[in-house]
């Protein structure tokens, strides 16, 4: 992989999303010139005016080719969440378009953040993640596919569900899938993994899981957050709760989108656990952040953001009150 100081851009897709927008400062700090993509440049510039934005929609081939020109590396952080009947086909087409554009532009490295392969048959959205990774790795470009289970941080859909369940419910239904295990990884560790992937001395493509340091059931994750926030809900085991019904339940009691909630329930029908710390050793990562610490950081970040919103609202109200009528 070329040196970070080489004057060619790194394309950051998903730059307004949970992982992408928080990855940007790390890439800049590492010396990379970052080109951020979005479908709505105007809104993105209003929110992050000091970042370089280019318009790109993975479903419009011309926009992908245009955004990719002049880039030496590219992050693929684009995901759908079962919101249309043919979303798997749409994701596959988008990945193929991205690979074609990257090949044409002379990109040297693609970094893709996918999902952990379950022991059993993958749910639809996990299967789509795996297919996307396979497509990106099928070309001649050295592609690093990192596979994570739950990422803990403000903005993560799975973290949002855990947090909401822990904060809101005096009584909690516990479907059987809550007992399946995952390896939550802190967003800070995930960002370190993504940045390091650009500089790996690797000619071929490779897959690396990036597990967190603990193996926890989804129920244990909820119980840990309950302890942190001082909530003690009564938990009632429910032997059967289908992914569809689970999606409705989670949508009712959390702020999650129904498609996201159902996809999460489907994805947890098997353990999402790997016995492989190879990547962390390869990049020389020190001790990873435990779940409790990551959860505290996420809660603190959300509280800080809420305080900022409240101050902004109070400022707006004060201005309206003091303005001449």
C-alpha atoms as a PDB file:
ATOM      1  CA  UNK A   1       0.000   0.000   0.000  1.00  0.00           C
ATOM      2  CA  UNK A   2       1.271   3.476  -0.852  1.00  0.00           C
ATOM      3  CA  UNK A   3       2.554   5.786   1.874  1.00  0.00           C
ATOM      4  CA  UNK A   4      -0.053   7.968   3.556  1.00  0.00           C
ATOM      5  CA  UNK A   5       1.772  11.096   2.433  1.00  0.00           C
ATOM      6  CA  UNK A   6       1.278  10.336  -1.261  1.00  0.00           C
ATOM      7  CA  UNK A   7      -0.912  13.058  -2.743  1.00  0.00           C
ATOM      8  CA  UNK A   8      -3.896  10.923  -3.685  1.00  0.00           C
ATOM      9  CA  UNK A   9      -7.179  10.805  -1.842  1.00  0.00           C
ATOM     10  CA  UNK A  10      -8.806   8.175   0.325  1.00  0.00           C
ATOM     11  CA  UNK A  11     -12.496   7.843  -0.539  1.00  0.00           C
ATOM     12  CA  UNK A  12     -14.728   7.542   2.511  1.00  0.00           C
ATOM     13  CA  UNK A  13     -18.209   6.258   1.702  1.00  0.00           C
ATOM     14  CA  UNK A  14     -20.868   6.272   4.390  1.00  0.00           C
ATOM     15  CA  UNK A  15     -19.217   9.463   5.625  1.00  0.00           C
ATOM     16  CA  UNK A  16     -22.390  10.743   7.302  1.00  0.00           C
ATOM     17  CA  UNK A  17     -23.111   7.415   8.993  1.00  0.00           C
ATOM     18  CA  UNK A  18     -22.226   6.110  12.441  1.00  0.00           C
ATOM     19  CA  UNK A  19     -18.822   4.618  11.590  1.00  0.00           C
ATOM     20  CA  UNK A  20     -17.876   6.848   8.671  1.00  0.00           C
ATOM     21  CA  UNK A  21     -18.335  10.237  10.288  1.00  0.00           C
ATOM     22  CA  UNK A  22     -16.358   9.199  13.388  1.00  0.00           C
ATOM     23  CA  UNK A  23     -13.607   7.559  11.310  1.00  0.00           C
ATOM     24  CA  UNK A  24     -12.811  10.759   9.421  1.00  0.00           C
ATOM     25  CA  UNK A  25     -10.732  12.495  12.166  1.00  0.00           C
ATOM     26  CA  UNK A  26      -8.621   9.358  12.656  1.00  0.00           C
ATOM     27  CA  UNK A  27      -7.828   9.176   8.952  1.00  0.00           C
ATOM     28  CA  UNK A  28      -6.858  12.854   8.840  1.00  0.00           C
ATOM     29  CA  UNK A  29      -4.697  12.442  11.937  1.00  0.00           C
ATOM     30  CA  UNK A  30      -2.951   9.502  10.233  1.00  0.00           C
ATOM     31  CA  UNK A  31      -2.001  11.828   7.367  1.00  0.00           C
ATOM     32  CA  UNK A  32      -4.556  10.830   4.754  1.00  0.00           C
ATOM     33  CA  UNK A  33      -6.334  13.202   2.379  1.00  0.00           C
ATOM     34  CA  UNK A  34      -9.975  12.217   2.780  1.00  0.00           C
ATOM     35  CA  UNK A  35     -12.727  12.665   0.241  1.00  0.00           C
ATOM     36  CA  UNK A  36     -16.151  12.152   1.863  1.00  0.00           C
ATOM     37  CA  UNK A  37     -19.144  10.942  -0.124  1.00  0.00           C
ATOM     38  CA  UNK A  38     -22.822  11.630   0.418  1.00  0.00           C
ATOM     39  CA  UNK A  39     -26.028  11.772  -1.593  1.00  0.00           C
ATOM     40  CA  UNK A  40     -26.802  15.203  -0.131  1.00  0.00           C
ATOM     41  CA  UNK A  41     -23.714  17.412  -0.293  1.00  0.00           C
ATOM     42  CA  UNK A  42     -25.564  20.544   0.847  1.00  0.00           C
ATOM     43  CA  UNK A  43     -26.771  19.007   4.117  1.00  0.00           C
ATOM     44  CA  UNK A  44     -23.408  17.345   4.802  1.00  0.00           C
ATOM     45  CA  UNK A  45     -21.528  20.624   4.318  1.00  0.00           C
ATOM     46  CA  UNK A  46     -23.871  22.383   6.692  1.00  0.00           C
ATOM     47  CA  UNK A  47     -23.176  19.800   9.387  1.00  0.00           C
ATOM     48  CA  UNK A  48     -19.443  19.306   8.729  1.00  0.00           C
ATOM     49  CA  UNK A  49     -18.305  22.399   6.791  1.00  0.00           C
ATOM     50  CA  UNK A  50     -14.572  21.700   7.052  1.00  0.00           C
ATOM     51  CA  UNK A  51     -14.683  18.300   5.354  1.00  0.00           C
ATOM     52  CA  UNK A  52     -14.368  17.750   1.594  1.00  0.00           C
ATOM     53  CA  UNK A  53     -17.601  16.394   0.158  1.00  0.00           C
ATOM     54  CA  UNK A  54     -18.436  14.828  -3.186  1.00  0.00           C
ATOM     55  CA  UNK A  55     -21.806  13.577  -4.357  1.00  0.00           C
ATOM     56  CA  UNK A  56     -22.095   9.814  -4.711  1.00  0.00           C
ATOM     57  CA  UNK A  57     -24.982   7.375  -4.801  1.00  0.00           C
ATOM     58  CA  UNK A  58     -23.971   3.704  -5.058  1.00  0.00           C
ATOM     59  CA  UNK A  59     -27.044   3.051  -7.206  1.00  0.00           C
ATOM     60  CA  UNK A  60     -25.911   5.609  -9.812  1.00  0.00           C
ATOM     61  CA  UNK A  61     -22.880   4.287 -11.679  1.00  0.00           C
ATOM     62  CA  UNK A  62     -21.759   7.623 -13.096  1.00  0.00           C
ATOM     63  CA  UNK A  63     -21.641   9.206  -9.644  1.00  0.00           C
ATOM     64  CA  UNK A  64     -19.517   6.346  -8.266  1.00  0.00           C
ATOM     65  CA  UNK A  65     -16.996   6.560 -11.121  1.00  0.00           C
ATOM     66  CA  UNK A  66     -16.788  10.323 -10.805  1.00  0.00           C
ATOM     67  CA  UNK A  67     -16.289  10.246  -7.031  1.00  0.00           C
ATOM     68  CA  UNK A  68     -13.588   7.565  -7.295  1.00  0.00           C
ATOM     69  CA  UNK A  69     -11.315   9.320  -9.786  1.00  0.00           C
ATOM     70  CA  UNK A  70      -7.932  10.195  -8.356  1.00  0.00           C
ATOM     71  CA  UNK A  71      -8.260   8.009  -5.255  1.00  0.00           C
ATOM     72  CA  UNK A  72      -5.623   5.514  -4.157  1.00  0.00           C
ATOM     73  CA  UNK A  73      -7.784   3.787  -1.527  1.00  0.00           C
ATOM     74  CA  UNK A  74     -11.465   3.504  -0.692  1.00  0.00           C
ATOM     75  CA  UNK A  75     -13.594   2.582   2.290  1.00  0.00           C
ATOM     76  CA  UNK A  76     -16.859   0.794   1.614  1.00  0.00           C
ATOM     77  CA  UNK A  77     -19.144   1.546   4.566  1.00  0.00           C
ATOM     78  CA  UNK A  78     -22.472   1.404   2.750  1.00  0.00           C
ATOM     79  CA  UNK A  79     -25.238  -0.868   4.051  1.00  0.00           C
ATOM     80  CA  UNK A  80     -28.943  -1.270   3.556  1.00  0.00           C
ATOM     81  CA  UNK A  81     -31.157  -2.909   6.162  1.00  0.00           C
ATOM     82  CA  UNK A  82     -33.845  -4.979   4.452  1.00  0.00           C
ATOM     83  CA  UNK A  83     -36.026  -1.967   3.690  1.00  0.00           C
ATOM     84  CA  UNK A  84     -37.037  -3.172   0.204  1.00  0.00           C
ATOM     85  CA  UNK A  85     -37.890  -6.659  -1.113  1.00  0.00           C
ATOM     86  CA  UNK A  86     -34.872  -6.713  -3.445  1.00  0.00           C
ATOM     87  CA  UNK A  87     -32.344  -5.059  -1.158  1.00  0.00           C
ATOM     88  CA  UNK A  88     -29.908  -7.989  -1.416  1.00  0.00           C
ATOM     89  CA  UNK A  89     -29.781  -7.602  -5.195  1.00  0.00           C
ATOM     90  CA  UNK A  90     -29.382  -3.843  -4.806  1.00  0.00           C
ATOM     91  CA  UNK A  91     -26.465  -4.308  -2.400  1.00  0.00           C
ATOM     92  CA  UNK A  92     -24.796  -6.781  -4.745  1.00  0.00           C
ATOM     93  CA  UNK A  93     -25.155  -4.438  -7.732  1.00  0.00           C
ATOM     94  CA  UNK A  94     -23.802  -1.538  -5.685  1.00  0.00           C
ATOM     95  CA  UNK A  95     -20.743  -3.560  -4.657  1.00  0.00           C
ATOM     96  CA  UNK A  96     -20.056  -4.556  -8.256  1.00  0.00           C
ATOM     97  CA  UNK A  97     -20.368  -0.945  -9.395  1.00  0.00           C
ATOM     98  CA  UNK A  98     -17.990   0.149  -6.635  1.00  0.00           C
ATOM     99  CA  UNK A  99     -15.416  -2.504  -7.577  1.00  0.00           C
ATOM    100  CA  UNK A 100     -15.593  -1.580 -11.266  1.00  0.00           C
ATOM    101  CA  UNK A 101     -15.128   2.115 -10.495  1.00  0.00           C
ATOM    102  CA  UNK A 102     -12.229   1.398  -8.126  1.00  0.00           C
ATOM    103  CA  UNK A 103     -10.527  -0.782 -10.734  1.00  0.00           C
ATOM    104  CA  UNK A 104     -10.928   1.884 -13.400  1.00  0.00           C
ATOM    105  CA  UNK A 105      -9.526   4.558 -11.043  1.00  0.00           C
ATOM    106  CA  UNK A 106      -6.437   2.510 -10.165  1.00  0.00           C
ATOM    107  CA  UNK A 107      -7.358   2.129  -6.490  1.00  0.00           C
ATOM    108  CA  UNK A 108      -4.771   0.073  -4.598  1.00  0.00           C
ATOM    109  CA  UNK A 109      -6.717  -0.879  -1.473  1.00  0.00           C
ATOM    110  CA  UNK A 110     -10.390  -1.305  -0.566  1.00  0.00           C
ATOM    111  CA  UNK A 111     -11.397  -1.604   3.086  1.00  0.00           C
ATOM    112  CA  UNK A 112     -14.820  -3.051   3.803  1.00  0.00           C
ATOM    113  CA  UNK A 113     -16.564  -3.357   7.174  1.00  0.00           C
ATOM    114  CA  UNK A 114     -18.866  -6.361   7.109  1.00  0.00           C
ATOM    115  CA  UNK A 115     -20.475  -8.694   9.610  1.00  0.00           C
ATOM    116  CA  UNK A 116     -19.414 -11.866  11.397  1.00  0.00           C
ATOM    117  CA  UNK A 117     -20.420 -15.104   9.694  1.00  0.00           C
ATOM    118  CA  UNK A 118     -22.765 -17.057  12.008  1.00  0.00           C
ATOM    119  CA  UNK A 119     -22.395 -20.749  12.748  1.00  0.00           C
ATOM    120  CA  UNK A 120     -25.741 -21.526  11.107  1.00  0.00           C
ATOM    121  CA  UNK A 121     -27.528 -20.184   8.049  1.00  0.00           C
ATOM    122  CA  UNK A 122     -27.031 -16.404   7.843  1.00  0.00           C
ATOM    123  CA  UNK A 123     -30.030 -14.119   8.114  1.00  0.00           C
ATOM    124  CA  UNK A 124     -30.808 -12.020   5.049  1.00  0.00           C
ATOM    125  CA  UNK A 125     -28.881  -8.908   6.037  1.00  0.00           C
ATOM    126  CA  UNK A 126     -25.846 -10.902   7.219  1.00  0.00           C
ATOM    127  CA  UNK A 127     -25.893 -12.930   4.018  1.00  0.00           C
ATOM    128  CA  UNK A 128     -25.948  -9.682   2.066  1.00  0.00           C
ATOM    129  CA  UNK A 129     -22.927  -8.410   4.023  1.00  0.00           C
ATOM    130  CA  UNK A 130     -21.026 -11.608   3.228  1.00  0.00           C
ATOM    131  CA  UNK A 131     -21.930 -11.439  -0.468  1.00  0.00           C
ATOM    132  CA  UNK A 132     -20.846  -7.800  -0.613  1.00  0.00           C
ATOM    133  CA  UNK A 133     -17.478  -8.746   0.858  1.00  0.00           C
ATOM    134  CA  UNK A 134     -17.062 -11.608  -1.597  1.00  0.00           C
ATOM    135  CA  UNK A 135     -17.783  -9.284  -4.540  1.00  0.00           C
ATOM    136  CA  UNK A 136     -15.281  -6.661  -3.380  1.00  0.00           C
ATOM    137  CA  UNK A 137     -12.627  -9.350  -2.850  1.00  0.00           C
ATOM    138  CA  UNK A 138     -13.267 -10.896  -6.263  1.00  0.00           C
ATOM    139  CA  UNK A 139     -11.316  -8.268  -8.201  1.00  0.00           C
ATOM    140  CA  UNK A 140      -7.613  -7.577  -8.570  1.00  0.00           C
ATOM    141  CA  UNK A 141      -7.578  -4.837  -5.901  1.00  0.00           C
ATOM    142  CA  UNK A 142      -6.170  -5.821  -2.521  1.00  0.00           C
ATOM    143  CA  UNK A 143      -9.275  -5.760  -0.314  1.00  0.00           C
ATOM    144  CA  UNK A 144      -9.345  -6.031   3.473  1.00  0.00           C
ATOM    145  CA  UNK A 145     -12.702  -7.217   4.785  1.00  0.00           C
ATOM    146  CA  UNK A 146     -13.121  -6.631   8.512  1.00  0.00           C
ATOM    147  CA  UNK A 147     -15.967  -8.469  10.204  1.00  0.00           C
ATOM    148  CA  UNK A 148     -17.559  -7.139  13.375  1.00  0.00           C
ATOM    149  CA  UNK A 149     -20.573  -8.175  15.418  1.00  0.00           C
ATOM    150  CA  UNK A 150     -22.095  -5.429  17.579  1.00  0.00           C
ATOM    151  CA  UNK A 151     -20.221  -2.116  17.565  1.00  0.00           C
ATOM    152  CA  UNK A 152     -20.754  -0.182  20.787  1.00  0.00           C
ATOM    153  CA  UNK A 153     -20.987   3.565  20.366  1.00  0.00           C
ATOM    154  CA  UNK A 154     -23.417   6.435  19.992  1.00  0.00           C
ATOM    155  CA  UNK A 155     -25.146   6.023  16.637  1.00  0.00           C
ATOM    156  CA  UNK A 156     -24.905   2.249  16.399  1.00  0.00           C
ATOM    157  CA  UNK A 157     -28.308   0.675  15.708  1.00  0.00           C
ATOM    158  CA  UNK A 158     -27.634  -2.425  17.819  1.00  0.00           C
ATOM    159  CA  UNK A 159     -26.285  -0.300  20.673  1.00  0.00           C
ATOM    160  CA  UNK A 160     -29.362   1.933  20.468  1.00  0.00           C
ATOM    161  CA  UNK A 161     -31.612  -1.079  20.981  1.00  0.00           C
ATOM    162  CA  UNK A 162     -29.582  -2.336  23.952  1.00  0.00           C
ATOM    163  CA  UNK A 163     -29.592   1.122  25.520  1.00  0.00           C
ATOM    164  CA  UNK A 164     -33.308   1.704  25.004  1.00  0.00           C
ATOM    165  CA  UNK A 165     -34.251  -1.680  26.438  1.00  0.00           C
ATOM    166  CA  UNK A 166     -32.062  -1.027  29.475  1.00  0.00           C
ATOM    167  CA  UNK A 167     -33.382   2.490  30.058  1.00  0.00           C
ATOM    168  CA  UNK A 168     -37.076   2.272  29.286  1.00  0.00           C
ATOM    169  CA  UNK A 169     -38.585  -0.979  30.481  1.00  0.00           C
ATOM    170  CA  UNK A 170     -39.717  -1.920  34.008  1.00  0.00           C
ATOM    171  CA  UNK A 171     -40.638  -5.357  32.619  1.00  0.00           C
ATOM    172  CA  UNK A 172     -38.790  -6.957  29.719  1.00  0.00           C
ATOM    173  CA  UNK A 173     -39.799  -9.869  27.502  1.00  0.00           C
ATOM    174  CA  UNK A 174     -36.791 -12.083  26.828  1.00  0.00           C
ATOM    175  CA  UNK A 175     -37.127 -14.105  23.627  1.00  0.00           C
ATOM    176  CA  UNK A 176     -34.776 -17.039  23.222  1.00  0.00           C
ATOM    177  CA  UNK A 177     -32.547 -15.224  20.729  1.00  0.00           C
ATOM    178  CA  UNK A 178     -31.411 -12.852  23.488  1.00  0.00           C
ATOM    179  CA  UNK A 179     -29.368 -15.768  24.877  1.00  0.00           C
ATOM    180  CA  UNK A 180     -27.220 -16.042  21.742  1.00  0.00           C
ATOM    181  CA  UNK A 181     -23.747 -14.632  22.085  1.00  0.00           C
ATOM    182  CA  UNK A 182     -21.814 -11.843  20.450  1.00  0.00           C
ATOM    183  CA  UNK A 183     -18.445 -10.112  20.905  1.00  0.00           C
ATOM    184  CA  UNK A 184     -19.173  -6.388  21.176  1.00  0.00           C
ATOM    185  CA  UNK A 185     -16.364  -4.171  19.931  1.00  0.00           C
ATOM    186  CA  UNK A 186     -15.984  -0.543  20.997  1.00  0.00           C
ATOM    187  CA  UNK A 187     -16.201   2.045  18.223  1.00  0.00           C
ATOM    188  CA  UNK A 188     -12.729   3.312  19.201  1.00  0.00           C
ATOM    189  CA  UNK A 189     -11.229  -0.141  18.586  1.00  0.00           C
ATOM    190  CA  UNK A 190     -13.194  -0.537  15.349  1.00  0.00           C
ATOM    191  CA  UNK A 191     -11.806   2.784  14.094  1.00  0.00           C
ATOM    192  CA  UNK A 192      -8.261   1.698  14.943  1.00  0.00           C
ATOM    193  CA  UNK A 193      -8.835  -1.483  12.963  1.00  0.00           C
ATOM    194  CA  UNK A 194     -10.163   0.424   9.953  1.00  0.00           C
ATOM    195  CA  UNK A 195      -7.311   2.938   9.876  1.00  0.00           C
ATOM    196  CA  UNK A 196      -4.673   0.200  10.193  1.00  0.00           C
ATOM    197  CA  UNK A 197      -6.215  -1.719   7.276  1.00  0.00           C
ATOM    198  CA  UNK A 198      -4.974   0.920   4.825  1.00  0.00           C
ATOM    199  CA  UNK A 199      -1.340   0.290   5.708  1.00  0.00           C
ATOM    200  CA  UNK A 200      -1.289  -3.511   5.847  1.00  0.00           C
ATOM    201  CA  UNK A 201       1.503  -5.022   3.785  1.00  0.00           C
ATOM    202  CA  UNK A 202      -0.801  -7.257   1.822  1.00  0.00           C
ATOM    203  CA  UNK A 203      -0.878  -7.954  -1.908  1.00  0.00           C
ATOM    204  CA  UNK A 204      -3.909 -10.216  -1.963  1.00  0.00           C
ATOM    205  CA  UNK A 205      -7.327  -9.808  -0.366  1.00  0.00           C
ATOM    206  CA  UNK A 206      -8.057 -11.074   3.123  1.00  0.00           C
ATOM    207  CA  UNK A 207     -10.793 -11.441   5.733  1.00  0.00           C
ATOM    208  CA  UNK A 208     -10.175 -10.577   9.374  1.00  0.00           C
ATOM    209  CA  UNK A 209     -12.710 -10.662  12.219  1.00  0.00           C
ATOM    210  CA  UNK A 210     -12.369  -7.846  14.756  1.00  0.00           C
ATOM    211  CA  UNK A 211     -13.974  -9.274  17.918  1.00  0.00           C
ATOM    212  CA  UNK A 212     -14.271  -7.388  21.161  1.00  0.00           C
ATOM    213  CA  UNK A 213     -12.507  -8.762  24.249  1.00  0.00           C
ATOM    214  CA  UNK A 214     -15.621 -10.343  25.825  1.00  0.00           C
ATOM    215  CA  UNK A 215     -18.148 -12.959  24.747  1.00  0.00           C
ATOM    216  CA  UNK A 216     -21.580 -11.871  25.979  1.00  0.00           C
ATOM    217  CA  UNK A 217     -25.153 -12.809  25.245  1.00  0.00           C
ATOM    218  CA  UNK A 218     -27.378 -10.000  24.069  1.00  0.00           C
ATOM    219  CA  UNK A 219     -29.257 -10.385  27.347  1.00  0.00           C
ATOM    220  CA  UNK A 220     -26.006  -9.943  29.295  1.00  0.00           C
ATOM    221  CA  UNK A 221     -25.316  -6.768  27.335  1.00  0.00           C
ATOM    222  CA  UNK A 222     -28.713  -5.402  28.364  1.00  0.00           C
ATOM    223  CA  UNK A 223     -28.165  -6.436  31.990  1.00  0.00           C
ATOM    224  CA  UNK A 224     -24.755  -4.735  32.031  1.00  0.00           C
ATOM    225  CA  UNK A 225     -26.273  -1.462  30.815  1.00  0.00           C
ATOM    226  CA  UNK A 226     -29.116  -1.814  33.335  1.00  0.00           C
ATOM    227  CA  UNK A 227     -26.496  -1.945  36.088  1.00  0.00           C
ATOM    228  CA  UNK A 228     -24.716   1.118  34.701  1.00  0.00           C
ATOM    229  CA  UNK A 229     -27.897   3.223  34.612  1.00  0.00           C
ATOM    230  CA  UNK A 230     -29.415   1.841  37.829  1.00  0.00           C
ATOM    231  CA  UNK A 231     -32.443   0.152  36.249  1.00  0.00           C
ATOM    232  CA  UNK A 232     -33.646  -3.233  37.493  1.00  0.00           C
ATOM    233  CA  UNK A 233     -36.316  -4.487  35.086  1.00  0.00           C
ATOM    234  CA  UNK A 234     -38.134  -7.738  35.682  1.00  0.00           C
ATOM    235  CA  UNK A 235     -37.161 -10.154  32.920  1.00  0.00           C
ATOM    236  CA  UNK A 236     -39.720 -12.654  31.637  1.00  0.00           C
ATOM    237  CA  UNK A 237     -38.551 -15.466  29.374  1.00  0.00           C
ATOM    238  CA  UNK A 238     -40.636 -15.949  26.240  1.00  0.00           C
ATOM    239  CA  UNK A 239     -39.984 -19.337  24.583  1.00  0.00           C
ATOM    240  CA  UNK A 240     -41.132 -18.299  21.095  1.00  0.00           C
ATOM    241  CA  UNK A 241     -41.029 -14.846  19.558  1.00  0.00           C
ATOM    242  CA  UNK A 242     -40.496 -14.854  15.791  1.00  0.00           C
ATOM    243  CA  UNK A 243     -38.168 -12.309  14.159  1.00  0.00           C
ATOM    244  CA  UNK A 244     -41.209 -10.564  12.710  1.00  0.00           C
ATOM    245  CA  UNK A 245     -42.892 -10.258  16.115  1.00  0.00           C
ATOM    246  CA  UNK A 246     -39.540  -9.385  17.698  1.00  0.00           C
ATOM    247  CA  UNK A 247     -39.182  -6.589  15.175  1.00  0.00           C
ATOM    248  CA  UNK A 248     -42.572  -5.156  16.133  1.00  0.00           C
ATOM    249  CA  UNK A 249     -41.749  -5.525  19.831  1.00  0.00           C
ATOM    250  CA  UNK A 250     -38.377  -3.796  19.507  1.00  0.00           C
ATOM    251  CA  UNK A 251     -39.895  -1.065  17.341  1.00  0.00           C
ATOM    252  CA  UNK A 252     -42.546  -0.489  20.005  1.00  0.00           C
ATOM    253  CA  UNK A 253     -40.197  -0.252  22.989  1.00  0.00           C
ATOM    254  CA  UNK A 254     -37.105   1.288  21.369  1.00  0.00           C
ATOM    255  CA  UNK A 255     -36.391   4.032  18.866  1.00  0.00           C
ATOM    256  CA  UNK A 256     -35.235   1.524  16.256  1.00  0.00           C
ATOM    257  CA  UNK A 257     -36.591   1.361  12.737  1.00  0.00           C
ATOM    258  CA  UNK A 258     -38.702  -1.778  12.239  1.00  0.00           C
ATOM    259  CA  UNK A 259     -36.450  -3.126   9.465  1.00  0.00           C
ATOM    260  CA  UNK A 260     -33.375  -2.624  11.633  1.00  0.00           C
ATOM    261  CA  UNK A 261     -35.061  -4.257  14.623  1.00  0.00           C
ATOM    262  CA  UNK A 262     -36.219  -7.278  12.637  1.00  0.00           C
ATOM    263  CA  UNK A 263     -32.814  -7.672  10.978  1.00  0.00           C
ATOM    264  CA  UNK A 264     -31.155  -7.615  14.399  1.00  0.00           C
ATOM    265  CA  UNK A 265     -33.522 -10.272  15.730  1.00  0.00           C
ATOM    266  CA  UNK A 266     -32.917 -12.458  12.663  1.00  0.00           C
ATOM    267  CA  UNK A 267     -29.157 -11.978  12.937  1.00  0.00           C
ATOM    268  CA  UNK A 268     -29.103 -13.186  16.534  1.00  0.00           C
ATOM    269  CA  UNK A 269     -30.675 -16.570  15.856  1.00  0.00           C
ATOM    270  CA  UNK A 270     -27.128 -17.974  16.110  1.00  0.00           C
ATOM    271  CA  UNK A 271     -23.993 -17.027  18.001  1.00  0.00           C
ATOM    272  CA  UNK A 272     -21.837 -14.372  16.336  1.00  0.00           C
ATOM    273  CA  UNK A 273     -18.580 -15.483  17.916  1.00  0.00           C
ATOM    274  CA  UNK A 274     -15.100 -16.053  16.485  1.00  0.00           C
ATOM    275  CA  UNK A 275     -12.008 -17.509  18.127  1.00  0.00           C
ATOM    276  CA  UNK A 276      -9.518 -15.388  16.250  1.00  0.00           C
ATOM    277  CA  UNK A 277      -7.502 -12.398  17.473  1.00  0.00           C
ATOM    278  CA  UNK A 278      -5.108 -12.548  14.506  1.00  0.00           C
ATOM    279  CA  UNK A 279      -5.915  -9.094  13.201  1.00  0.00           C
ATOM    280  CA  UNK A 280      -5.417  -7.347  16.531  1.00  0.00           C
ATOM    281  CA  UNK A 281      -2.029  -9.049  16.857  1.00  0.00           C
ATOM    282  CA  UNK A 282      -1.173  -8.190  13.257  1.00  0.00           C
ATOM    283  CA  UNK A 283      -1.719  -4.455  13.770  1.00  0.00           C
ATOM    284  CA  UNK A 284      -0.151  -4.429  17.231  1.00  0.00           C
ATOM    285  CA  UNK A 285      -3.323  -3.393  19.006  1.00  0.00           C
ATOM    286  CA  UNK A 286      -3.001  -3.168  22.782  1.00  0.00           C
ATOM    287  CA  UNK A 287      -5.721  -4.170  25.244  1.00  0.00           C
ATOM    288  CA  UNK A 288      -9.141  -3.660  23.713  1.00  0.00           C
ATOM    289  CA  UNK A 289     -11.911  -1.746  25.409  1.00  0.00           C
ATOM    290  CA  UNK A 290     -14.295  -3.866  27.491  1.00  0.00           C
ATOM    291  CA  UNK A 291     -18.053  -3.674  27.118  1.00  0.00           C
ATOM    292  CA  UNK A 292     -18.709  -1.729  30.322  1.00  0.00           C
ATOM    293  CA  UNK A 293     -16.181   0.964  29.440  1.00  0.00           C
ATOM    294  CA  UNK A 294     -17.477   1.208  25.870  1.00  0.00           C
ATOM    295  CA  UNK A 295     -21.049   1.465  27.162  1.00  0.00           C
ATOM    296  CA  UNK A 296     -20.110   4.209  29.630  1.00  0.00           C
ATOM    297  CA  UNK A 297     -18.416   6.146  26.838  1.00  0.00           C
ATOM    298  CA  UNK A 298     -21.469   5.771  24.594  1.00  0.00           C
ATOM    299  CA  UNK A 299     -23.835   6.898  27.358  1.00  0.00           C
ATOM    300  CA  UNK A 300     -21.596   9.875  28.179  1.00  0.00           C
ATOM    301  CA  UNK A 301     -21.453  10.867  24.509  1.00  0.00           C
ATOM    302  CA  UNK A 302     -25.222  10.732  24.236  1.00  0.00           C
ATOM    303  CA  UNK A 303     -25.641  12.804  27.394  1.00  0.00           C
ATOM    304  CA  UNK A 304     -23.206  15.406  26.071  1.00  0.00           C
ATOM    305  CA  UNK A 305     -25.077  15.575  22.771  1.00  0.00           C
ATOM    306  CA  UNK A 306     -28.409  15.929  24.572  1.00  0.00           C
ATOM    307  CA  UNK A 307     -27.000  18.788  26.652  1.00  0.00           C
ATOM    308  CA  UNK A 308     -25.846  20.511  23.467  1.00  0.00           C
ATOM    309  CA  UNK A 309     -29.325  20.170  21.965  1.00  0.00           C
ATOM    310  CA  UNK A 310     -30.920  21.553  25.121  1.00  0.00           C
ATOM    311  CA  UNK A 311     -28.555  24.545  25.152  1.00  0.00           C
ATOM    312  CA  UNK A 312     -29.265  25.198  21.479  1.00  0.00           C
ATOM    313  CA  UNK A 313     -33.029  25.101  22.120  1.00  0.00           C
ATOM    314  CA  UNK A 314     -32.737  27.435  25.118  1.00  0.00           C
ATOM    315  CA  UNK A 315     -30.628  29.842  23.047  1.00  0.00           C
ATOM    316  CA  UNK A 316     -33.194  29.836  20.259  1.00  0.00           C
ATOM    317  CA  UNK A 317     -36.051  30.434  22.704  1.00  0.00           C
ATOM    318  CA  UNK A 318     -34.159  33.291  24.398  1.00  0.00           C
ATOM    319  CA  UNK A 319     -33.476  34.930  21.036  1.00  0.00           C
ATOM    320  CA  UNK A 320     -37.124  34.768  20.047  1.00  0.00           C
ATOM    321  CA  UNK A 321     -38.214  36.217  23.384  1.00  0.00           C
ATOM    322  CA  UNK A 322     -35.749  39.118  23.133  1.00  0.00           C
ATOM    323  CA  UNK A 323     -36.410  39.885  19.465  1.00  0.00           C
ATOM    324  CA  UNK A 324     -38.660  42.909  18.744  1.00  0.00           C
ATOM    325  CA  UNK A 325     -42.248  41.979  18.008  1.00  0.00           C
END
